[in-house]
Amino acid sequence: MILKDLLNHFDIEDNLPDYLLEQSFNEVFLDGDFSKTDNNYKIAVKTRQNVTHQMFIRPGDEYPVVIMSELPNGNLNGMKFGQSQGDVKYINNL
């Protein structure tokens, strides 16, 4: 599933960089709990493996898409996607 499909699924119409719209993400987010605060969005879902995945979509931010996962042992990890292709930061051991 690409981000554009996920945005359509949740009726999110904010502008994001074109490269992000074609970025591939896990389909598990389609079943997530959706919330909106101002122009920021959050999709959270807990998998059968007891992992909580969260996607934060903040169109005006330096990193408009952030994926954060909480593992069963409490560790967090994830990725931040920047405004331009190739600007990706990995988040480990928060």
C-alpha atoms as a PDB file:
ATOM      1  CA  MET A   1       0.000   0.000   0.000  1.00  0.00           C
ATOM      2  CA  ILE A   2       1.289   3.466  -0.821  1.00  0.00           C
ATOM      3  CA  LEU A   3       0.765   6.549   1.324  1.00  0.00           C
ATOM      4  CA  LYS A   4      -1.598   8.094  -1.236  1.00  0.00           C
ATOM      5  CA  ASP A   5      -3.986   5.139  -0.701  1.00  0.00           C
ATOM      6  CA  LEU A   6      -3.824   5.540   3.058  1.00  0.00           C
ATOM      7  CA  LEU A   7      -4.535   9.274   2.807  1.00  0.00           C
ATOM      8  CA  ASN A   8      -7.568   8.543   0.608  1.00  0.00           C
ATOM      9  CA  HIS A   9      -8.783   5.883   3.049  1.00  0.00           C
ATOM     10  CA  PHE A  10      -8.800   8.396   5.934  1.00  0.00           C
ATOM     11  CA  ASP A  11      -9.885  11.387   3.787  1.00  0.00           C
ATOM     12  CA  ILE A  12      -6.662  13.316   4.440  1.00  0.00           C
ATOM     13  CA  GLU A  13      -6.290  16.017   1.808  1.00  0.00           C
ATOM     14  CA  ASP A  14      -3.207  17.921   3.003  1.00  0.00           C
ATOM     15  CA  ASN A  15      -0.304  18.453   0.632  1.00  0.00           C
ATOM     16  CA  LEU A  16       2.712  16.218   1.107  1.00  0.00           C
ATOM     17  CA  PRO A  17       5.823  15.880  -1.055  1.00  0.00           C
ATOM     18  CA  ASP A  18       5.160  13.845  -4.217  1.00  0.00           C
ATOM     19  CA  TYR A  19       7.792  11.244  -3.383  1.00  0.00           C
ATOM     20  CA  LEU A  20       6.040  10.500  -0.072  1.00  0.00           C
ATOM     21  CA  LEU A  21       2.712   9.873  -1.787  1.00  0.00           C
ATOM     22  CA  GLU A  22       4.318   6.943  -3.622  1.00  0.00           C
ATOM     23  CA  GLN A  23       6.152   5.653  -0.516  1.00  0.00           C
ATOM     24  CA  SER A  24       5.174   2.118   0.473  1.00  0.00           C
ATOM     25  CA  PHE A  25       3.784   1.432   3.972  1.00  0.00           C
ATOM     26  CA  ASN A  26       2.360  -1.608   5.722  1.00  0.00           C
ATOM     27  CA  GLU A  27      -1.355  -2.213   5.125  1.00  0.00           C
ATOM     28  CA  VAL A  28      -1.845  -2.693   8.869  1.00  0.00           C
ATOM     29  CA  PHE A  29      -2.396   1.076   9.135  1.00  0.00           C
ATOM     30  CA  LEU A  30      -5.698   0.751   7.221  1.00  0.00           C
ATOM     31  CA  ASP A  31      -7.192  -0.825  10.371  1.00  0.00           C
ATOM     32  CA  GLY A  32      -5.724   1.788  12.711  1.00  0.00           C
ATOM     33  CA  ASP A  33      -7.408   4.262  15.000  1.00  0.00           C
ATOM     34  CA  PHE A  34      -7.396   7.673  13.358  1.00  0.00           C
ATOM     35  CA  SER A  35      -7.221  11.025  15.137  1.00  0.00           C
ATOM     36  CA  LYS A  36      -6.704  14.612  14.036  1.00  0.00           C
ATOM     37  CA  THR A  37      -5.395  17.566  16.028  1.00  0.00           C
ATOM     38  CA  ASP A  38      -5.231  20.846  14.107  1.00  0.00           C
ATOM     39  CA  ASN A  39      -3.531  19.872  10.807  1.00  0.00           C
ATOM     40  CA  ASN A  40      -1.712  16.887  12.287  1.00  0.00           C
ATOM     41  CA  TYR A  41      -2.891  13.311  11.994  1.00  0.00           C
ATOM     42  CA  LYS A  42      -2.178  10.123  13.917  1.00  0.00           C
ATOM     43  CA  ILE A  43      -2.948   6.532  12.978  1.00  0.00           C
ATOM     44  CA  ALA A  44      -2.281   3.912  15.646  1.00  0.00           C
ATOM     45  CA  VAL A  45      -2.704   0.153  15.462  1.00  0.00           C
ATOM     46  CA  LYS A  46      -1.712  -2.782  17.665  1.00  0.00           C
ATOM     47  CA  THR A  47      -0.759  -6.005  15.899  1.00  0.00           C
ATOM     48  CA  ARG A  48      -1.215  -9.627  16.931  1.00  0.00           C
ATOM     49  CA  GLN A  49       2.467  -9.665  17.857  1.00  0.00           C
ATOM     50  CA  ASN A  50       1.688  -7.044  20.524  1.00  0.00           C
ATOM     51  CA  VAL A  51       3.549  -4.307  18.639  1.00  0.00           C
ATOM     52  CA  THR A  52       1.983  -0.843  18.545  1.00  0.00           C
ATOM     53  CA  HIS A  53       2.646   1.054  15.321  1.00  0.00           C
ATOM     54  CA  GLN A  54       1.923   4.755  15.033  1.00  0.00           C
ATOM     55  CA  MET A  55       2.038   6.967  11.957  1.00  0.00           C
ATOM     56  CA  PHE A  56       2.181  10.705  12.471  1.00  0.00           C
ATOM     57  CA  ILE A  57       1.388  12.902   9.467  1.00  0.00           C
ATOM     58  CA  ARG A  58       2.365  16.543   9.973  1.00  0.00           C
ATOM     59  CA  PRO A  59       2.272  18.228   6.543  1.00  0.00           C
ATOM     60  CA  GLY A  60       4.005  21.477   7.575  1.00  0.00           C
ATOM     61  CA  ASP A  61       6.808  19.822   9.533  1.00  0.00           C
ATOM     62  CA  GLU A  62      10.433  19.306   8.476  1.00  0.00           C
ATOM     63  CA  TYR A  63       9.663  15.567   8.702  1.00  0.00           C
ATOM     64  CA  PRO A  64       6.019  15.302   7.588  1.00  0.00           C
ATOM     65  CA  VAL A  65       5.688  11.526   8.119  1.00  0.00           C
ATOM     66  CA  VAL A  66       6.976   9.704  11.196  1.00  0.00           C
ATOM     67  CA  ILE A  67       6.538   6.006  11.906  1.00  0.00           C
ATOM     68  CA  MET A  68       7.037   4.888  15.510  1.00  0.00           C
ATOM     69  CA  SER A  69       6.771   1.318  16.764  1.00  0.00           C
ATOM     70  CA  GLU A  70       6.647   0.173  20.379  1.00  0.00           C
ATOM     71  CA  LEU A  71       7.881  -3.378  20.806  1.00  0.00           C
ATOM     72  CA  PRO A  72       6.545  -5.793  23.461  1.00  0.00           C
ATOM     73  CA  ASN A  73       9.687  -5.194  25.558  1.00  0.00           C
ATOM     74  CA  GLY A  74       8.928  -1.452  25.639  1.00  0.00           C
ATOM     75  CA  ASN A  75      11.640  -0.401  23.188  1.00  0.00           C
ATOM     76  CA  LEU A  76      10.757   2.180  20.566  1.00  0.00           C
ATOM     77  CA  ASN A  77      12.071   2.510  17.041  1.00  0.00           C
ATOM     78  CA  GLY A  78      10.981   4.120  13.827  1.00  0.00           C
ATOM     79  CA  MET A  79      11.672   6.351  10.852  1.00  0.00           C
ATOM     80  CA  LYS A  80      11.210  10.017   9.986  1.00  0.00           C
ATOM     81  CA  PHE A  81      10.614  10.953   6.339  1.00  0.00           C
ATOM     82  CA  GLY A  82      11.750  14.441   5.318  1.00  0.00           C
ATOM     83  CA  GLN A  83      10.445  16.916   2.767  1.00  0.00           C
ATOM     84  CA  SER A  84      12.844  15.651   0.074  1.00  0.00           C
ATOM     85  CA  GLN A  85      13.500  12.149  -1.191  1.00  0.00           C
ATOM     86  CA  GLY A  86      16.433  10.497   0.569  1.00  0.00           C
ATOM     87  CA  ASP A  87      16.000  12.555   3.747  1.00  0.00           C
ATOM     88  CA  VAL A  88      15.176   9.675   6.087  1.00  0.00           C
ATOM     89  CA  LYS A  89      16.242   9.437   9.716  1.00  0.00           C
ATOM     90  CA  TYR A  90      16.117   6.233  11.706  1.00  0.00           C
ATOM     91  CA  ILE A  91      14.990   6.447  15.305  1.00  0.00           C
ATOM     92  CA  ASN A  92      16.424   3.800  17.628  1.00  0.00           C
ATOM     93  CA  ASN A  93      16.344   3.252  21.357  1.00  0.00           C
ATOM     94  CA  LEU A  94      14.235   6.212  22.426  1.00  0.00           C
END
